[in-house]
N, C-alpha and C. Protein backbone atom coordinates (compact mmCIF):
# COMPACT_ATOMS: atom_id res chain seq x y z
N MET A 1 -26.61 46.25 110.99
CA MET A 1 -25.82 46.55 109.83
C MET A 1 -26.71 46.51 108.60
N SER A 2 -26.58 47.50 107.75
CA SER A 2 -27.39 47.54 106.54
C SER A 2 -26.79 46.64 105.47
N SER A 3 -27.62 46.28 104.52
CA SER A 3 -27.17 45.39 103.46
C SER A 3 -26.23 46.13 102.51
N THR A 4 -25.50 45.36 101.74
CA THR A 4 -24.60 45.93 100.74
C THR A 4 -25.39 46.76 99.74
N GLU A 5 -26.57 46.29 99.34
CA GLU A 5 -27.40 47.04 98.39
C GLU A 5 -27.83 48.38 98.97
N GLU A 6 -28.20 48.41 100.24
CA GLU A 6 -28.59 49.67 100.88
C GLU A 6 -27.42 50.64 100.95
N ARG A 7 -26.25 50.14 101.32
CA ARG A 7 -25.06 50.99 101.41
C ARG A 7 -24.69 51.53 100.03
N LEU A 8 -24.75 50.69 99.01
CA LEU A 8 -24.46 51.13 97.65
C LEU A 8 -25.47 52.18 97.19
N ASP A 9 -26.74 51.99 97.51
CA ASP A 9 -27.77 52.96 97.14
C ASP A 9 -27.49 54.31 97.81
N ARG A 10 -27.06 54.30 99.07
CA ARG A 10 -26.75 55.56 99.76
C ARG A 10 -25.57 56.26 99.09
N LEU A 11 -24.53 55.51 98.75
CA LEU A 11 -23.37 56.12 98.08
C LEU A 11 -23.75 56.70 96.71
N GLU A 12 -24.52 55.94 95.94
CA GLU A 12 -24.97 56.42 94.64
C GLU A 12 -25.87 57.64 94.79
N SER A 13 -26.71 57.64 95.80
CA SER A 13 -27.61 58.77 96.03
C SER A 13 -26.83 60.04 96.32
N VAL A 14 -25.82 59.94 97.17
CA VAL A 14 -25.00 61.12 97.50
C VAL A 14 -24.33 61.64 96.23
N ALA A 15 -23.75 60.76 95.42
CA ALA A 15 -23.08 61.19 94.19
C ALA A 15 -24.08 61.84 93.22
N GLU A 16 -25.27 61.26 93.09
CA GLU A 16 -26.26 61.82 92.18
C GLU A 16 -26.76 63.18 92.66
N ILE A 17 -26.92 63.35 93.96
CA ILE A 17 -27.36 64.65 94.49
C ILE A 17 -26.27 65.69 94.29
N GLN A 18 -25.01 65.31 94.47
CA GLN A 18 -23.92 66.26 94.20
C GLN A 18 -23.94 66.71 92.74
N GLN A 19 -24.19 65.78 91.83
CA GLN A 19 -24.26 66.13 90.41
C GLN A 19 -25.48 67.01 90.12
N LEU A 20 -26.57 66.79 90.82
CA LEU A 20 -27.76 67.63 90.67
C LEU A 20 -27.42 69.09 90.98
N VAL A 21 -26.71 69.32 92.08
CA VAL A 21 -26.32 70.67 92.48
C VAL A 21 -25.35 71.27 91.47
N ALA A 22 -24.44 70.48 90.94
CA ALA A 22 -23.51 70.97 89.92
C ALA A 22 -24.26 71.35 88.64
N ARG A 23 -25.19 70.51 88.22
CA ARG A 23 -25.97 70.82 87.01
C ARG A 23 -26.77 72.11 87.21
N TYR A 24 -27.31 72.29 88.41
CA TYR A 24 -28.07 73.51 88.73
C TYR A 24 -27.22 74.75 88.43
N ALA A 25 -25.99 74.78 88.93
CA ALA A 25 -25.12 75.94 88.74
C ALA A 25 -24.83 76.18 87.26
N LEU A 26 -24.55 75.12 86.53
CA LEU A 26 -24.19 75.27 85.11
C LEU A 26 -25.37 75.74 84.26
N VAL A 27 -26.56 75.17 84.46
CA VAL A 27 -27.69 75.60 83.63
C VAL A 27 -28.20 76.97 84.05
N LEU A 28 -28.02 77.35 85.31
CA LEU A 28 -28.40 78.69 85.74
C LEU A 28 -27.50 79.72 85.07
N ASP A 29 -26.19 79.51 85.10
CA ASP A 29 -25.27 80.44 84.45
C ASP A 29 -25.48 80.46 82.94
N GLY A 30 -25.88 79.34 82.38
CA GLY A 30 -26.14 79.27 80.95
C GLY A 30 -27.53 79.71 80.55
N ARG A 31 -28.36 80.09 81.52
CA ARG A 31 -29.73 80.58 81.33
C ARG A 31 -30.61 79.59 80.57
N ASP A 32 -30.45 78.32 80.85
CA ASP A 32 -31.28 77.29 80.22
C ASP A 32 -32.46 76.99 81.13
N ALA A 33 -33.53 77.76 80.96
CA ALA A 33 -34.68 77.68 81.86
C ALA A 33 -35.32 76.30 81.86
N GLN A 34 -35.43 75.67 80.71
CA GLN A 34 -36.04 74.35 80.63
C GLN A 34 -35.20 73.31 81.35
N ALA A 35 -33.90 73.31 81.12
CA ALA A 35 -33.02 72.35 81.79
C ALA A 35 -33.00 72.60 83.30
N TRP A 36 -33.05 73.86 83.69
CA TRP A 36 -33.07 74.23 85.12
C TRP A 36 -34.35 73.71 85.77
N ALA A 37 -35.50 73.94 85.13
CA ALA A 37 -36.77 73.49 85.70
C ALA A 37 -36.83 71.97 85.77
N ALA A 38 -36.18 71.28 84.84
CA ALA A 38 -36.18 69.81 84.84
C ALA A 38 -35.42 69.23 86.02
N LEU A 39 -34.68 70.05 86.75
CA LEU A 39 -33.97 69.59 87.94
C LEU A 39 -34.88 69.52 89.16
N TYR A 40 -36.10 69.99 89.02
CA TYR A 40 -37.06 70.01 90.12
C TYR A 40 -38.13 68.94 89.92
N SER A 41 -38.76 68.53 91.01
CA SER A 41 -39.84 67.55 90.91
C SER A 41 -40.98 68.14 90.07
N PRO A 42 -41.69 67.30 89.34
CA PRO A 42 -42.75 67.81 88.46
C PRO A 42 -43.82 68.62 89.17
N ASP A 43 -44.06 68.37 90.46
CA ASP A 43 -45.12 69.08 91.19
C ASP A 43 -44.56 70.17 92.09
N VAL A 44 -43.37 70.70 91.77
CA VAL A 44 -42.72 71.70 92.62
C VAL A 44 -43.64 72.90 92.85
N LYS A 45 -43.65 73.39 94.08
CA LYS A 45 -44.42 74.60 94.42
C LYS A 45 -43.56 75.81 94.08
N VAL A 46 -44.15 76.77 93.39
CA VAL A 46 -43.45 77.96 92.92
C VAL A 46 -43.97 79.16 93.69
N GLY A 47 -43.04 79.95 94.22
CA GLY A 47 -43.41 81.11 95.01
C GLY A 47 -43.27 82.42 94.25
N PRO A 48 -43.49 83.54 94.93
CA PRO A 48 -43.47 84.86 94.30
C PRO A 48 -42.16 85.09 93.54
N PRO A 49 -42.24 85.79 92.44
CA PRO A 49 -43.37 86.55 91.92
C PRO A 49 -44.35 85.73 91.08
N ILE A 50 -44.10 84.47 90.88
CA ILE A 50 -45.01 83.58 90.15
C ILE A 50 -45.53 82.56 91.15
N ASP A 51 -46.77 82.67 91.54
CA ASP A 51 -47.34 81.70 92.46
C ASP A 51 -48.00 80.59 91.66
N GLY A 52 -47.52 79.37 91.85
CA GLY A 52 -48.09 78.28 91.09
C GLY A 52 -47.48 76.96 91.49
N ARG A 53 -47.59 76.01 90.58
CA ARG A 53 -47.06 74.67 90.84
C ARG A 53 -46.66 74.07 89.50
N GLY A 54 -45.52 73.39 89.52
CA GLY A 54 -45.08 72.67 88.34
C GLY A 54 -43.97 73.38 87.58
N ARG A 55 -43.40 72.65 86.65
CA ARG A 55 -42.23 73.12 85.92
C ARG A 55 -42.52 74.29 84.99
N ASP A 56 -43.72 74.35 84.39
CA ASP A 56 -44.04 75.49 83.53
C ASP A 56 -44.04 76.79 84.32
N ASP A 57 -44.64 76.77 85.51
CA ASP A 57 -44.61 77.96 86.37
C ASP A 57 -43.19 78.26 86.83
N LEU A 58 -42.39 77.22 87.01
CA LEU A 58 -41.00 77.43 87.42
C LEU A 58 -40.20 78.11 86.31
N VAL A 59 -40.47 77.77 85.06
CA VAL A 59 -39.80 78.45 83.94
C VAL A 59 -40.18 79.93 83.94
N ALA A 60 -41.44 80.25 84.18
CA ALA A 60 -41.87 81.65 84.26
C ALA A 60 -41.16 82.36 85.41
N TRP A 61 -41.02 81.68 86.55
CA TRP A 61 -40.30 82.25 87.70
C TRP A 61 -38.85 82.53 87.32
N PHE A 62 -38.22 81.58 86.65
CA PHE A 62 -36.83 81.72 86.22
C PHE A 62 -36.65 82.97 85.37
N LYS A 63 -37.54 83.16 84.40
CA LYS A 63 -37.42 84.33 83.53
C LYS A 63 -37.63 85.62 84.31
N ALA A 64 -38.52 85.60 85.28
CA ALA A 64 -38.78 86.81 86.08
C ALA A 64 -37.63 87.12 87.03
N LYS A 65 -37.05 86.10 87.63
CA LYS A 65 -36.03 86.31 88.67
C LYS A 65 -34.60 86.35 88.14
N CYS A 66 -34.33 85.78 86.99
CA CYS A 66 -32.95 85.68 86.52
C CYS A 66 -32.61 86.70 85.45
N SER A 67 -33.44 87.72 85.30
CA SER A 67 -33.18 88.73 84.28
C SER A 67 -32.62 90.02 84.86
N TYR A 68 -32.35 90.07 86.14
CA TYR A 68 -31.80 91.30 86.70
C TYR A 68 -30.27 91.32 86.67
N TRP A 69 -29.66 90.20 86.30
CA TRP A 69 -28.21 90.18 86.08
C TRP A 69 -27.94 89.53 84.74
N TYR A 70 -26.77 89.84 84.19
CA TYR A 70 -26.46 89.36 82.84
C TYR A 70 -25.52 88.16 82.89
N ARG A 71 -24.28 88.37 83.23
CA ARG A 71 -23.32 87.27 83.34
C ARG A 71 -23.26 86.81 84.78
N SER A 72 -22.99 85.51 84.97
CA SER A 72 -22.82 85.01 86.33
C SER A 72 -21.96 83.76 86.32
N MET A 73 -21.41 83.47 87.48
CA MET A 73 -20.65 82.24 87.70
C MET A 73 -20.96 81.77 89.12
N HIS A 74 -21.65 80.64 89.22
CA HIS A 74 -21.98 80.03 90.51
C HIS A 74 -20.93 78.96 90.81
N VAL A 75 -20.22 79.13 91.90
CA VAL A 75 -19.18 78.19 92.30
C VAL A 75 -19.64 77.49 93.57
N ILE A 76 -19.82 76.17 93.48
CA ILE A 76 -20.31 75.39 94.61
C ILE A 76 -19.17 75.12 95.58
N GLY A 77 -19.47 75.31 96.86
CA GLY A 77 -18.48 75.03 97.91
C GLY A 77 -18.85 73.77 98.67
N VAL A 78 -18.81 73.86 99.97
CA VAL A 78 -19.13 72.73 100.84
C VAL A 78 -20.58 72.32 100.61
N HIS A 79 -20.81 71.01 100.54
CA HIS A 79 -22.16 70.51 100.30
C HIS A 79 -22.41 69.33 101.24
N ARG A 80 -23.31 69.53 102.19
CA ARG A 80 -23.68 68.47 103.12
C ARG A 80 -24.99 67.86 102.70
N ILE A 81 -25.05 66.54 102.65
CA ILE A 81 -26.26 65.82 102.27
C ILE A 81 -26.65 64.89 103.41
N ASP A 82 -27.90 64.97 103.84
CA ASP A 82 -28.43 64.09 104.87
C ASP A 82 -29.53 63.24 104.28
N LEU A 83 -29.24 61.96 104.09
CA LEU A 83 -30.24 61.04 103.58
C LEU A 83 -31.25 60.73 104.67
N ASP A 84 -32.51 60.65 104.31
CA ASP A 84 -33.58 60.35 105.27
C ASP A 84 -33.44 58.89 105.71
N PRO A 85 -33.27 58.63 107.00
CA PRO A 85 -33.10 57.24 107.44
C PRO A 85 -34.37 56.39 107.29
N ASP A 86 -35.51 57.06 107.17
CA ASP A 86 -36.78 56.34 107.08
C ASP A 86 -37.34 56.24 105.65
N ASP A 87 -36.79 57.03 104.75
CA ASP A 87 -37.30 57.04 103.37
C ASP A 87 -36.11 57.15 102.43
N PRO A 88 -35.74 56.10 101.71
CA PRO A 88 -34.56 56.13 100.84
C PRO A 88 -34.72 57.05 99.64
N ASP A 89 -35.92 57.61 99.42
CA ASP A 89 -36.16 58.50 98.29
C ASP A 89 -36.24 59.96 98.70
N ARG A 90 -35.78 60.28 99.91
CA ARG A 90 -35.80 61.66 100.39
C ARG A 90 -34.47 61.99 101.05
N ALA A 91 -34.08 63.26 100.94
CA ALA A 91 -32.86 63.75 101.56
C ALA A 91 -32.97 65.26 101.72
N THR A 92 -32.13 65.82 102.56
CA THR A 92 -32.02 67.26 102.71
C THR A 92 -30.54 67.62 102.59
N GLY A 93 -30.28 68.91 102.41
CA GLY A 93 -28.89 69.31 102.29
C GLY A 93 -28.69 70.79 102.47
N LEU A 94 -27.44 71.14 102.68
CA LEU A 94 -26.98 72.52 102.71
C LEU A 94 -25.81 72.62 101.74
N ALA A 95 -25.84 73.63 100.88
CA ALA A 95 -24.76 73.83 99.91
C ALA A 95 -24.33 75.28 99.93
N GLN A 96 -23.03 75.49 100.11
CA GLN A 96 -22.49 76.84 100.02
C GLN A 96 -22.23 77.18 98.56
N CYS A 97 -22.40 78.45 98.22
CA CYS A 97 -22.19 78.87 96.84
C CYS A 97 -21.69 80.31 96.83
N ARG A 98 -20.71 80.55 95.99
CA ARG A 98 -20.21 81.92 95.76
C ARG A 98 -20.63 82.28 94.34
N VAL A 99 -21.28 83.43 94.20
CA VAL A 99 -21.79 83.86 92.91
C VAL A 99 -21.16 85.19 92.54
N GLU A 100 -20.65 85.27 91.32
CA GLU A 100 -20.17 86.54 90.78
C GLU A 100 -21.09 86.90 89.64
N GLN A 101 -21.58 88.16 89.65
CA GLN A 101 -22.60 88.58 88.70
C GLN A 101 -22.31 89.97 88.15
N GLU A 102 -22.69 90.15 86.89
CA GLU A 102 -22.72 91.47 86.27
C GLU A 102 -24.15 91.98 86.40
N ILE A 103 -24.32 93.09 87.10
CA ILE A 103 -25.63 93.71 87.27
C ILE A 103 -25.49 95.16 86.84
N GLY A 104 -25.85 95.44 85.60
CA GLY A 104 -25.66 96.78 85.06
C GLY A 104 -24.17 97.12 85.03
N GLU A 105 -23.81 98.24 85.64
CA GLU A 105 -22.41 98.65 85.69
C GLU A 105 -21.68 98.05 86.89
N ARG A 106 -22.39 97.29 87.70
CA ARG A 106 -21.79 96.72 88.92
C ARG A 106 -21.36 95.29 88.68
N TRP A 107 -20.30 94.88 89.34
CA TRP A 107 -19.86 93.49 89.41
C TRP A 107 -19.92 93.11 90.88
N VAL A 108 -20.76 92.12 91.19
CA VAL A 108 -21.13 91.82 92.56
C VAL A 108 -20.75 90.38 92.89
N THR A 109 -20.25 90.19 94.10
CA THR A 109 -19.98 88.84 94.62
C THR A 109 -20.92 88.61 95.80
N THR A 110 -21.62 87.49 95.77
CA THR A 110 -22.55 87.15 96.84
C THR A 110 -22.24 85.75 97.34
N ALA A 111 -22.26 85.58 98.64
CA ALA A 111 -22.14 84.26 99.25
C ALA A 111 -23.54 83.79 99.62
N PHE A 112 -23.87 82.57 99.21
CA PHE A 112 -25.18 81.98 99.48
C PHE A 112 -25.02 80.70 100.28
N LEU A 113 -26.04 80.39 101.03
CA LEU A 113 -26.23 79.06 101.58
C LEU A 113 -27.58 78.58 101.06
N TYR A 114 -27.56 77.48 100.32
CA TYR A 114 -28.80 76.88 99.83
C TYR A 114 -29.27 75.82 100.81
N ARG A 115 -30.54 75.92 101.19
CA ARG A 115 -31.18 74.90 102.03
C ARG A 115 -32.07 74.09 101.09
N ASP A 116 -31.72 72.81 100.93
CA ASP A 116 -32.35 71.97 99.91
C ASP A 116 -33.16 70.83 100.51
N ALA A 117 -34.19 70.44 99.76
CA ALA A 117 -34.91 69.19 99.99
C ALA A 117 -34.87 68.44 98.67
N TYR A 118 -34.44 67.19 98.70
CA TYR A 118 -34.31 66.37 97.50
C TYR A 118 -35.30 65.22 97.57
N VAL A 119 -35.75 64.80 96.39
CA VAL A 119 -36.67 63.68 96.29
C VAL A 119 -36.27 62.85 95.07
N ARG A 120 -36.37 61.53 95.20
CA ARG A 120 -36.09 60.67 94.06
C ARG A 120 -37.41 60.31 93.40
N VAL A 121 -37.53 60.66 92.12
CA VAL A 121 -38.74 60.42 91.34
C VAL A 121 -38.36 59.55 90.15
N ASP A 122 -38.99 58.40 90.05
CA ASP A 122 -38.69 57.46 88.95
C ASP A 122 -37.19 57.20 88.82
N GLY A 123 -36.53 57.06 89.96
CA GLY A 123 -35.11 56.73 89.98
C GLY A 123 -34.16 57.90 89.81
N GLN A 124 -34.68 59.12 89.68
CA GLN A 124 -33.84 60.29 89.47
C GLN A 124 -33.97 61.26 90.65
N TRP A 125 -32.82 61.68 91.19
CA TRP A 125 -32.83 62.67 92.27
C TRP A 125 -33.10 64.05 91.70
N LEU A 126 -34.04 64.77 92.33
CA LEU A 126 -34.46 66.10 91.91
C LEU A 126 -34.60 67.00 93.14
N PHE A 127 -34.69 68.28 92.91
CA PHE A 127 -35.01 69.20 94.00
C PHE A 127 -36.51 69.13 94.27
N ALA A 128 -36.88 68.92 95.52
CA ALA A 128 -38.27 69.10 95.94
C ALA A 128 -38.47 70.57 96.29
N HIS A 129 -37.40 71.18 96.82
CA HIS A 129 -37.41 72.59 97.21
C HIS A 129 -35.97 73.07 97.31
N ARG A 130 -35.75 74.31 96.95
CA ARG A 130 -34.42 74.92 97.10
C ARG A 130 -34.62 76.35 97.55
N HIS A 131 -33.98 76.71 98.67
CA HIS A 131 -34.12 78.06 99.21
C HIS A 131 -32.73 78.67 99.35
N GLY A 132 -32.45 79.69 98.54
CA GLY A 132 -31.16 80.37 98.61
C GLY A 132 -31.20 81.49 99.63
N MET A 133 -30.22 81.47 100.53
CA MET A 133 -30.15 82.49 101.58
C MET A 133 -28.83 83.24 101.46
N PRO A 134 -28.85 84.51 101.02
CA PRO A 134 -27.61 85.27 100.93
C PRO A 134 -26.98 85.47 102.31
N ILE A 135 -25.68 85.33 102.36
CA ILE A 135 -24.94 85.54 103.60
C ILE A 135 -24.31 86.92 103.60
N TRP A 136 -23.66 87.29 102.47
CA TRP A 136 -23.15 88.64 102.29
C TRP A 136 -23.04 88.92 100.81
N CYS A 137 -22.89 90.21 100.49
CA CYS A 137 -22.78 90.64 99.11
C CYS A 137 -21.91 91.88 99.08
N TYR A 138 -21.03 91.99 98.08
CA TYR A 138 -20.21 93.19 97.96
C TYR A 138 -19.88 93.46 96.50
N ASP A 139 -19.67 94.75 96.20
CA ASP A 139 -19.24 95.15 94.87
C ASP A 139 -17.76 94.84 94.72
N GLN A 140 -17.37 94.43 93.52
CA GLN A 140 -15.96 94.16 93.27
C GLN A 140 -15.18 95.43 92.96
N HIS A 141 -15.88 96.53 92.65
CA HIS A 141 -15.28 97.83 92.37
C HIS A 141 -14.38 97.84 91.15
N GLN A 142 -14.41 96.80 90.37
CA GLN A 142 -13.64 96.78 89.13
C GLN A 142 -14.35 95.86 88.16
N ASP A 143 -14.49 96.33 86.95
CA ASP A 143 -15.12 95.56 85.89
C ASP A 143 -14.12 94.51 85.40
N PRO A 144 -14.36 93.22 85.65
CA PRO A 144 -13.39 92.22 85.23
C PRO A 144 -13.29 92.06 83.72
N LEU A 145 -14.24 92.62 82.97
CA LEU A 145 -14.17 92.52 81.52
C LEU A 145 -13.38 93.64 80.89
N THR A 146 -13.05 94.70 81.64
CA THR A 146 -12.31 95.81 81.08
C THR A 146 -10.99 95.30 80.53
N GLY A 147 -10.83 95.45 79.25
CA GLY A 147 -9.58 95.05 78.61
C GLY A 147 -9.40 93.55 78.45
N VAL A 148 -10.40 92.76 78.79
CA VAL A 148 -10.24 91.32 78.70
C VAL A 148 -11.05 90.82 77.51
N GLU A 149 -10.48 90.98 76.33
CA GLU A 149 -11.09 90.41 75.14
C GLU A 149 -10.49 89.03 74.90
N ARG A 150 -9.24 88.88 75.26
CA ARG A 150 -8.55 87.60 75.16
C ARG A 150 -7.72 87.43 76.43
N LEU A 151 -7.60 86.22 76.84
CA LEU A 151 -6.81 85.91 78.03
C LEU A 151 -5.34 85.83 77.64
N PRO A 152 -4.42 85.85 78.62
CA PRO A 152 -3.02 85.67 78.29
C PRO A 152 -2.83 84.41 77.45
N GLY A 153 -1.99 84.51 76.44
CA GLY A 153 -1.80 83.39 75.53
C GLY A 153 -2.74 83.43 74.36
N GLY A 154 -3.66 84.41 74.32
CA GLY A 154 -4.54 84.60 73.18
C GLY A 154 -5.85 83.84 73.23
N MET A 155 -6.12 83.09 74.29
CA MET A 155 -7.38 82.35 74.36
C MET A 155 -8.55 83.33 74.47
N PRO A 156 -9.57 83.20 73.59
CA PRO A 156 -10.69 84.14 73.65
C PRO A 156 -11.62 83.85 74.82
N VAL A 157 -12.27 84.90 75.30
CA VAL A 157 -13.31 84.75 76.31
C VAL A 157 -14.58 84.33 75.58
N ARG A 158 -15.11 83.15 75.88
CA ARG A 158 -16.25 82.61 75.12
C ARG A 158 -17.54 82.57 75.91
N LEU A 159 -17.48 82.42 77.20
CA LEU A 159 -18.71 82.36 77.98
C LEU A 159 -19.12 83.77 78.37
N PRO A 160 -20.37 84.04 78.51
CA PRO A 160 -21.50 83.12 78.49
C PRO A 160 -22.06 82.84 77.09
N ALA A 161 -21.51 83.47 76.06
CA ALA A 161 -22.08 83.34 74.72
C ALA A 161 -22.12 81.90 74.23
N ASP A 162 -21.19 81.07 74.64
CA ASP A 162 -21.15 79.69 74.17
C ASP A 162 -22.05 78.74 74.95
N TYR A 163 -22.69 79.20 76.02
CA TYR A 163 -23.71 78.36 76.65
C TYR A 163 -24.84 78.20 75.64
N PRO A 164 -25.33 76.99 75.40
CA PRO A 164 -26.33 76.78 74.35
C PRO A 164 -27.60 77.62 74.48
N ALA A 165 -28.09 77.88 75.67
CA ALA A 165 -29.37 78.58 75.82
C ALA A 165 -29.23 80.07 76.14
N PHE A 166 -28.01 80.54 76.34
CA PHE A 166 -27.83 81.91 76.82
C PHE A 166 -28.41 82.94 75.86
N ARG A 167 -28.08 82.84 74.58
CA ARG A 167 -28.58 83.82 73.61
C ARG A 167 -30.11 83.75 73.50
N ALA A 168 -30.66 82.54 73.53
CA ALA A 168 -32.11 82.39 73.43
C ALA A 168 -32.82 83.02 74.63
N PHE A 169 -32.25 82.88 75.82
CA PHE A 169 -32.85 83.49 77.01
C PHE A 169 -32.97 84.99 76.83
N TRP A 170 -31.89 85.65 76.43
CA TRP A 170 -31.88 87.10 76.33
C TRP A 170 -32.63 87.61 75.11
N ALA A 171 -32.89 86.77 74.11
CA ALA A 171 -33.64 87.18 72.92
C ALA A 171 -35.08 87.57 73.27
N ASP A 172 -35.58 87.11 74.40
CA ASP A 172 -36.95 87.44 74.81
C ASP A 172 -37.06 88.81 75.48
N PHE A 173 -35.93 89.51 75.64
CA PHE A 173 -35.93 90.81 76.29
C PHE A 173 -35.57 91.89 75.27
N THR A 174 -36.07 93.10 75.48
CA THR A 174 -35.77 94.20 74.57
C THR A 174 -34.32 94.64 74.77
N PRO A 175 -33.75 95.31 73.76
CA PRO A 175 -32.39 95.85 73.94
C PRO A 175 -32.30 96.80 75.14
N GLU A 176 -33.38 97.53 75.41
CA GLU A 176 -33.37 98.44 76.56
C GLU A 176 -33.32 97.67 77.88
N GLN A 177 -34.05 96.56 77.95
CA GLN A 177 -34.00 95.74 79.16
C GLN A 177 -32.61 95.14 79.35
N VAL A 178 -32.02 94.68 78.28
CA VAL A 178 -30.67 94.11 78.36
C VAL A 178 -29.67 95.19 78.76
N ALA A 179 -29.83 96.40 78.23
CA ALA A 179 -28.92 97.49 78.56
C ALA A 179 -28.94 97.85 80.04
N GLU A 180 -30.04 97.51 80.74
CA GLU A 180 -30.10 97.76 82.18
C GLU A 180 -29.16 96.86 82.97
N VAL A 181 -28.80 95.71 82.40
CA VAL A 181 -27.98 94.75 83.14
C VAL A 181 -26.59 94.53 82.55
N THR A 182 -26.32 95.07 81.35
CA THR A 182 -24.98 94.94 80.79
C THR A 182 -24.72 96.04 79.77
N SER A 183 -23.47 96.48 79.72
CA SER A 183 -23.06 97.39 78.66
C SER A 183 -22.35 96.62 77.56
N ARG A 184 -22.22 95.30 77.72
CA ARG A 184 -21.55 94.45 76.74
C ARG A 184 -22.40 93.23 76.39
N PRO A 185 -23.56 93.44 75.76
CA PRO A 185 -24.34 92.25 75.38
C PRO A 185 -23.60 91.42 74.36
N ILE A 186 -23.77 90.14 74.42
CA ILE A 186 -22.97 89.25 73.59
C ILE A 186 -23.28 89.37 72.12
N TRP A 187 -24.48 89.79 71.73
CA TRP A 187 -24.78 89.82 70.31
C TRP A 187 -24.11 91.00 69.59
N THR A 188 -23.58 91.96 70.35
CA THR A 188 -22.85 93.05 69.69
C THR A 188 -21.42 92.65 69.38
N ARG A 189 -20.96 91.60 69.99
CA ARG A 189 -19.59 91.12 69.77
C ARG A 189 -19.63 89.59 69.75
N PRO A 190 -19.83 89.00 68.56
CA PRO A 190 -19.91 87.53 68.51
C PRO A 190 -18.64 86.92 69.06
N PRO A 191 -18.75 85.72 69.65
CA PRO A 191 -17.57 85.08 70.21
C PRO A 191 -16.55 84.79 69.12
N THR A 192 -15.29 85.01 69.44
CA THR A 192 -14.19 84.73 68.52
C THR A 192 -13.81 83.27 68.65
N ARG A 193 -13.70 82.62 67.55
CA ARG A 193 -13.29 81.21 67.55
C ARG A 193 -11.78 81.13 67.31
N SER A 194 -11.13 80.24 68.04
CA SER A 194 -9.70 80.06 67.79
C SER A 194 -9.47 78.82 66.97
């Protein structure tokens, strides 16, 4: 039987890893490259199209890979976490995710399975590695923004413009590059405040 401290550490670890995955989805949709990279271990290995190591290279990867779609919503589903029985600072996991994205004139839904490796560094759980594997993808065949300036009851549509880093992310791209992924960039229609 393990000690109470060990059992408590395992419970806290599972909760912290679940929050790590939730933060990943929110900062990705909000295009906060710095906050997203901070979710990974400082020595993370970065693969194509940016081959390197560390968070600075990961930020460059983020900008290269996350600019082909404009709006997105990552919804986390089932999340299995397996704590390493031999090392309390390591774990692996599988997380299901449904992503809805605006890609040019298309609205696409993709189902992903993320295969994760987690590591605890200085008391904080981080991704050591994350590999997203698409399961299926389909067009929605209807633009969900058509006619949706305000929701029923008058509530304005505020995201993604209200994500703190979203506007800054897209400011690094030309209007022509942005036009490739959206016909409704947020700076042409500032968010309406209620």
